Amino acid sequence: VWLFNRNAGGAENWGLVKQLTAPEAQSGDFFGFSLALDAEWLVAGATGDDQAGASAGRLHLFRRQQGGPDNWGYFG
């Protein structure tokens, strides 16, 4: 999942802020298949994650400012 911000790197420019990855991600997890975002939280779905059973899926939470200013840290 890539986060972009308007005016990052110049006026009217969409600059990359952060690339988010799921810990222990594996091929076929489909991390980022679904997303929900607000000012403080990002939820990324991984529909093929099988940690809880075959293709059970999983949600990954990221929180803004987790781990420092302007950072999106893994929350759980």
Protein backbone atom coordinates (compact mmCIF):
# COMPACT_ATOMS: atom_id res chain seq x y z
CA VAL A 1 0.00 0.00 0.00
CA TRP A 2 1.42 3.37 -1.01
CA LEU A 3 0.32 6.61 0.67
CA PHE A 4 0.53 9.83 -1.31
CA ASN A 5 -0.08 13.38 -0.14
CA ARG A 6 -1.04 16.34 -2.27
CA ASN A 7 1.53 19.12 -2.42
CA ALA A 8 4.26 16.81 -1.11
CA GLY A 9 7.40 17.76 -3.00
CA GLY A 10 5.88 20.87 -4.59
CA ALA A 11 2.63 22.64 -5.37
CA GLU A 12 0.03 20.46 -7.08
CA ASN A 13 2.34 17.45 -6.81
CA TRP A 14 1.29 14.09 -5.40
CA GLY A 15 4.34 12.85 -3.48
CA LEU A 16 4.92 9.47 -1.92
CA VAL A 17 4.65 9.70 1.87
CA LYS A 18 5.07 6.08 2.92
CA GLN A 19 4.95 2.54 1.59
CA LEU A 20 3.20 0.24 4.05
CA THR A 21 3.76 -3.48 4.24
CA ALA A 22 2.30 -6.13 6.46
CA PRO A 23 4.67 -7.98 8.75
CA GLU A 24 4.98 -11.64 7.82
CA ALA A 25 3.30 -10.97 4.47
CA GLN A 26 3.40 -13.82 2.01
CA SER A 27 2.62 -14.16 -1.65
CA GLY A 28 -1.08 -14.75 -2.09
CA ASP A 29 -2.15 -12.79 1.01
CA PHE A 30 -3.51 -10.00 -1.22
CA PHE A 31 -2.45 -7.33 1.27
CA GLY A 32 -4.23 -4.07 0.44
CA PHE A 33 -7.11 -5.76 -1.39
CA SER A 34 -9.47 -3.52 0.58
CA LEU A 35 -8.68 -0.26 2.35
CA ALA A 36 -10.30 2.17 4.78
CA LEU A 37 -8.59 5.44 5.66
CA ASP A 38 -9.31 8.43 7.85
CA ALA A 39 -7.08 11.15 9.29
CA GLU A 40 -5.52 8.87 11.92
CA TRP A 41 -6.07 5.22 10.92
CA LEU A 42 -5.59 3.02 7.88
CA VAL A 43 -7.06 -0.48 7.75
CA ALA A 44 -5.76 -2.79 5.04
CA GLY A 45 -7.41 -6.10 4.29
CA ALA A 46 -5.49 -9.21 3.28
CA THR A 47 -8.15 -11.56 1.95
CA GLY A 48 -5.82 -14.51 1.35
CA ASP A 49 -3.97 -14.46 4.69
CA ASP A 50 -4.18 -17.92 6.22
CA GLN A 51 -2.71 -17.47 9.73
CA ALA A 52 -6.12 -18.18 11.27
CA GLY A 53 -7.07 -20.89 8.75
CA ALA A 54 -7.12 -21.42 5.01
CA SER A 55 -7.82 -18.06 3.34
CA ALA A 56 -9.42 -16.72 6.54
CA GLY A 57 -8.18 -13.22 5.78
CA ARG A 58 -6.84 -10.60 8.12
CA LEU A 59 -7.03 -6.89 8.86
CA HIS A 60 -3.89 -4.83 9.42
CA LEU A 61 -4.08 -1.55 11.33
CA PHE A 62 -1.72 1.37 10.80
CA ARG A 63 -1.81 4.56 12.85
CA ARG A 64 -0.57 7.97 11.86
CA GLN A 65 2.18 9.39 14.09
CA GLN A 66 2.92 5.86 15.40
CA GLY A 67 6.72 5.80 15.65
CA GLY A 68 7.26 9.51 15.01
CA PRO A 69 5.85 12.55 13.24
CA ASP A 70 4.50 11.97 9.75
CA ASN A 71 4.95 8.22 10.16
CA TRP A 72 2.34 5.52 9.66
CA GLY A 73 3.34 2.74 12.05
CA TYR A 74 1.99 -0.77 12.27
CA PHE A 75 -0.49 -1.00 15.13
CA GLY A 76 -1.69 -4.57 14.86
